[in-house]
Each structure stands twice: as structure tokens, then as C-alpha cells.
Amino acid sequence: MPSEFPVEHPILGRFVMGWCLEAHDLWAGKAIIGREKDLEFCAALVRFELVDPAVCMERVELIDSIRDEERARARRLANTTFG
């Protein structure tokens, strides 16, 4: 199945685009944003063993359009979450 596909919206009655994010990419994005709800979501991905710590950090390092403090925040989260 492709990573994006049209899905009919039950209320709107028309097709919309559905995005299926890969768990490691989702962890990286939420770790960079760093809101409380994002940090809780990242912790749940780890708790339920849905992500691999090394892959999460690889994804963070691949993002070149973030500020140094955002990358540092994601690294701190990884250190505290992954142990």
C-alpha cells in the first residue's frame, strides 16, 4: 500500500488525502516540536516498543531544516526516554 491514498471522508462525503506516517519519522517530528502532548506521545511509542532508539536519532539527524535548540531538545528527549 502506498504511503498516501485517497479516503472518503464520512462527513464531507468527498475524498481527502490520508497520510500514513512511519513511526520513527513521527517520533522525530514530535520530539523536535516538544509540546507536552508530543513528549507524551513519544514516550508511548517507546513504552509500547513501536520505535527503535537508534533509528529515531538517525531520523532527527537527517532533518536539516531545524534550529540547533530543536535538535538538542530531541537529543535530550532521546537520552531520557531511551535511557
N, C-alpha and C. Protein backbone atom coordinates (compact mmCIF):
# COMPACT_ATOMS: atom_id res chain seq x y z
N MET A 1 0.83 -1.17 0.00
CA MET A 1 0.00 0.00 0.00
C MET A 1 0.89 1.24 0.00
N PRO A 2 0.57 2.22 -0.83
CA PRO A 2 1.37 3.45 -0.84
C PRO A 2 1.22 4.20 0.48
N SER A 3 2.14 5.12 0.74
CA SER A 3 2.10 5.87 1.99
C SER A 3 1.01 6.93 1.99
N GLU A 4 0.43 7.20 0.84
CA GLU A 4 -0.68 8.13 0.79
C GLU A 4 -1.74 7.57 -0.15
N PHE A 5 -2.98 7.75 0.22
CA PHE A 5 -4.06 7.24 -0.61
C PHE A 5 -5.33 8.01 -0.30
N PRO A 6 -6.21 8.16 -1.30
CA PRO A 6 -7.45 8.91 -1.06
C PRO A 6 -8.41 8.08 -0.20
N VAL A 7 -9.05 8.76 0.74
CA VAL A 7 -10.02 8.13 1.63
C VAL A 7 -11.27 8.99 1.62
N GLU A 8 -12.43 8.35 1.52
CA GLU A 8 -13.66 9.13 1.54
C GLU A 8 -13.96 9.58 2.97
N HIS A 9 -14.13 10.86 3.15
CA HIS A 9 -14.44 11.42 4.46
C HIS A 9 -15.91 11.15 4.76
N PRO A 10 -16.22 10.53 5.92
CA PRO A 10 -17.60 10.13 6.19
C PRO A 10 -18.57 11.30 6.34
N ILE A 11 -18.10 12.46 6.76
CA ILE A 11 -19.00 13.60 6.96
C ILE A 11 -19.03 14.49 5.72
N LEU A 12 -17.86 14.76 5.15
CA LEU A 12 -17.80 15.64 3.99
C LEU A 12 -18.34 14.98 2.73
N GLY A 13 -18.28 13.64 2.68
CA GLY A 13 -18.76 12.91 1.52
C GLY A 13 -17.89 13.07 0.29
N ARG A 14 -16.64 13.43 0.49
CA ARG A 14 -15.71 13.55 -0.63
C ARG A 14 -14.38 12.91 -0.23
N PHE A 15 -13.55 12.70 -1.23
CA PHE A 15 -12.26 12.07 -0.96
C PHE A 15 -11.26 13.09 -0.45
N VAL A 16 -10.50 12.69 0.53
CA VAL A 16 -9.43 13.50 1.09
C VAL A 16 -8.17 12.65 1.10
N MET A 17 -7.03 13.30 1.24
CA MET A 17 -5.77 12.57 1.25
C MET A 17 -5.45 12.11 2.66
N GLY A 18 -5.16 10.84 2.84
CA GLY A 18 -4.74 10.30 4.13
C GLY A 18 -3.24 10.08 4.13
N TRP A 19 -2.56 10.52 5.18
CA TRP A 19 -1.12 10.36 5.30
C TRP A 19 -0.83 9.32 6.37
N CYS A 20 -0.02 8.35 6.04
CA CYS A 20 0.36 7.30 6.98
C CYS A 20 1.85 7.48 7.30
N LEU A 21 2.12 8.12 8.42
CA LEU A 21 3.50 8.41 8.79
C LEU A 21 4.16 7.19 9.40
N GLU A 22 5.40 6.99 9.08
CA GLU A 22 6.20 5.92 9.67
C GLU A 22 6.53 6.33 11.11
N ALA A 23 6.50 5.37 12.04
CA ALA A 23 6.60 5.66 13.48
C ALA A 23 7.87 6.42 13.86
N HIS A 24 9.00 6.10 13.26
CA HIS A 24 10.25 6.79 13.60
C HIS A 24 10.23 8.25 13.13
N ASP A 25 9.66 8.48 11.95
CA ASP A 25 9.53 9.85 11.46
C ASP A 25 8.58 10.64 12.36
N LEU A 26 7.52 10.01 12.79
CA LEU A 26 6.57 10.65 13.69
C LEU A 26 7.24 11.00 15.01
N TRP A 27 8.02 10.06 15.57
CA TRP A 27 8.74 10.32 16.83
C TRP A 27 9.66 11.52 16.66
N ALA A 28 10.42 11.54 15.57
CA ALA A 28 11.38 12.63 15.34
C ALA A 28 10.67 13.97 15.25
N GLY A 29 9.59 14.03 14.50
CA GLY A 29 8.87 15.28 14.35
C GLY A 29 8.29 15.78 15.66
N LYS A 30 7.71 14.89 16.41
CA LYS A 30 7.12 15.27 17.70
C LYS A 30 8.20 15.63 18.72
N ALA A 31 9.32 14.94 18.70
CA ALA A 31 10.41 15.25 19.61
C ALA A 31 10.98 16.64 19.32
N ILE A 32 11.02 17.01 18.08
CA ILE A 32 11.53 18.32 17.70
C ILE A 32 10.56 19.42 18.12
N ILE A 33 9.28 19.20 17.93
CA ILE A 33 8.28 20.20 18.33
C ILE A 33 8.28 20.37 19.85
N GLY A 34 8.24 19.26 20.57
CA GLY A 34 8.45 19.29 22.02
C GLY A 34 7.33 19.78 22.90
N ARG A 35 6.09 19.86 22.39
CA ARG A 35 4.97 20.21 23.26
C ARG A 35 4.72 19.06 24.22
N GLU A 36 4.08 19.34 25.32
CA GLU A 36 3.83 18.30 26.34
C GLU A 36 3.13 17.10 25.72
N LYS A 37 2.10 17.33 24.92
CA LYS A 37 1.37 16.22 24.32
C LYS A 37 2.25 15.43 23.35
N ASP A 38 3.18 16.11 22.68
CA ASP A 38 4.11 15.42 21.77
C ASP A 38 5.08 14.54 22.55
N LEU A 39 5.57 15.06 23.68
CA LEU A 39 6.50 14.29 24.51
C LEU A 39 5.82 13.04 25.07
N GLU A 40 4.56 13.18 25.46
CA GLU A 40 3.80 12.03 25.96
C GLU A 40 3.62 10.99 24.85
N PHE A 41 3.36 11.46 23.64
CA PHE A 41 3.19 10.56 22.51
C PHE A 41 4.50 9.82 22.22
N CYS A 42 5.62 10.56 22.25
CA CYS A 42 6.93 9.93 22.03
C CYS A 42 7.19 8.86 23.08
N ALA A 43 6.87 9.17 24.33
CA ALA A 43 7.07 8.20 25.41
C ALA A 43 6.23 6.95 25.19
N ALA A 44 5.01 7.12 24.70
CA ALA A 44 4.15 5.96 24.44
C ALA A 44 4.71 5.10 23.31
N LEU A 45 5.24 5.73 22.27
CA LEU A 45 5.85 4.95 21.19
C LEU A 45 6.99 4.09 21.72
N VAL A 46 7.75 4.63 22.64
CA VAL A 46 8.86 3.89 23.24
C VAL A 46 8.32 2.80 24.17
N ARG A 47 7.38 3.17 25.03
CA ARG A 47 6.84 2.23 26.02
C ARG A 47 6.26 0.98 25.34
N PHE A 48 5.58 1.17 24.22
CA PHE A 48 4.98 0.03 23.52
C PHE A 48 5.90 -0.58 22.47
N GLU A 49 7.18 -0.16 22.52
CA GLU A 49 8.23 -0.71 21.65
C GLU A 49 7.89 -0.62 20.17
N LEU A 50 7.35 0.53 19.78
CA LEU A 50 6.98 0.75 18.39
C LEU A 50 8.09 1.44 17.60
N VAL A 51 9.12 1.90 18.32
CA VAL A 51 10.25 2.57 17.66
C VAL A 51 11.57 2.02 18.19
N ASP A 52 12.58 2.12 17.36
CA ASP A 52 13.94 1.74 17.72
C ASP A 52 14.71 3.02 18.01
N PRO A 53 15.35 3.11 19.19
CA PRO A 53 16.05 4.35 19.56
C PRO A 53 17.07 4.83 18.53
N ALA A 54 17.85 3.93 17.99
CA ALA A 54 18.88 4.32 17.03
C ALA A 54 18.25 4.91 15.76
N VAL A 55 17.17 4.32 15.31
CA VAL A 55 16.51 4.83 14.10
C VAL A 55 15.90 6.20 14.37
N CYS A 56 15.32 6.39 15.54
CA CYS A 56 14.76 7.70 15.89
C CYS A 56 15.83 8.78 15.81
N MET A 57 16.98 8.52 16.38
CA MET A 57 18.04 9.52 16.37
C MET A 57 18.60 9.72 14.96
N GLU A 58 18.66 8.68 14.16
CA GLU A 58 19.08 8.84 12.77
C GLU A 58 18.15 9.80 12.04
N ARG A 59 16.84 9.64 12.29
CA ARG A 59 15.85 10.49 11.62
C ARG A 59 16.01 11.95 12.06
N VAL A 60 16.25 12.18 13.34
CA VAL A 60 16.46 13.54 13.83
C VAL A 60 17.68 14.16 13.15
N GLU A 61 18.75 13.40 13.03
CA GLU A 61 19.98 13.91 12.43
C GLU A 61 19.82 14.18 10.94
N LEU A 62 18.89 13.51 10.28
CA LEU A 62 18.68 13.71 8.85
C LEU A 62 17.93 15.00 8.52
N ILE A 63 17.26 15.57 9.50
CA ILE A 63 16.48 16.78 9.26
C ILE A 63 17.42 17.98 9.31
N ASP A 64 17.55 18.66 8.19
CA ASP A 64 18.50 19.78 8.14
C ASP A 64 17.82 21.14 8.28
N SER A 65 16.52 21.15 8.36
CA SER A 65 15.80 22.43 8.40
C SER A 65 15.33 22.81 9.81
N ILE A 66 16.05 22.34 10.84
CA ILE A 66 15.68 22.67 12.21
C ILE A 66 16.80 23.45 12.89
N ARG A 67 16.40 24.21 13.90
CA ARG A 67 17.38 25.00 14.66
C ARG A 67 18.16 24.09 15.61
N ASP A 68 19.31 24.56 16.02
CA ASP A 68 20.17 23.79 16.92
C ASP A 68 19.44 23.44 18.21
N GLU A 69 18.66 24.38 18.76
CA GLU A 69 17.97 24.10 20.02
C GLU A 69 16.88 23.04 19.85
N GLU A 70 16.28 22.96 18.66
CA GLU A 70 15.28 21.92 18.40
C GLU A 70 15.95 20.55 18.34
N ARG A 71 17.09 20.49 17.67
CA ARG A 71 17.83 19.22 17.59
C ARG A 71 18.30 18.81 18.99
N ALA A 72 18.76 19.77 19.77
CA ALA A 72 19.21 19.49 21.14
C ALA A 72 18.05 18.97 21.99
N ARG A 73 16.85 19.55 21.83
CA ARG A 73 15.69 19.09 22.57
C ARG A 73 15.37 17.64 22.23
N ALA A 74 15.42 17.29 20.95
CA ALA A 74 15.15 15.92 20.54
C ALA A 74 16.20 14.96 21.10
N ARG A 75 17.45 15.40 21.11
CA ARG A 75 18.52 14.55 21.67
C ARG A 75 18.31 14.34 23.17
N ARG A 76 17.93 15.41 23.89
CA ARG A 76 17.67 15.28 25.34
C ARG A 76 16.51 14.31 25.59
N LEU A 77 15.47 14.44 24.79
CA LEU A 77 14.32 13.53 24.93
C LEU A 77 14.76 12.09 24.70
N ALA A 78 15.57 11.89 23.69
CA ALA A 78 16.04 10.53 23.40
C ALA A 78 16.86 9.99 24.56
N ASN A 79 17.72 10.82 25.11
CA ASN A 79 18.55 10.36 26.23
C ASN A 79 17.72 10.00 27.45
N THR A 80 16.68 10.76 27.73
CA THR A 80 15.86 10.48 28.91
C THR A 80 14.86 9.36 28.65
N THR A 81 14.36 9.27 27.42
CA THR A 81 13.34 8.27 27.09
C THR A 81 13.95 6.90 26.83
N PHE A 82 15.04 6.88 26.12
CA PHE A 82 15.65 5.60 25.74
C PHE A 82 16.65 5.10 26.76
N GLY A 83 17.01 5.95 27.72
CA GLY A 83 17.93 5.51 28.76
C GLY A 83 19.33 5.66 28.46
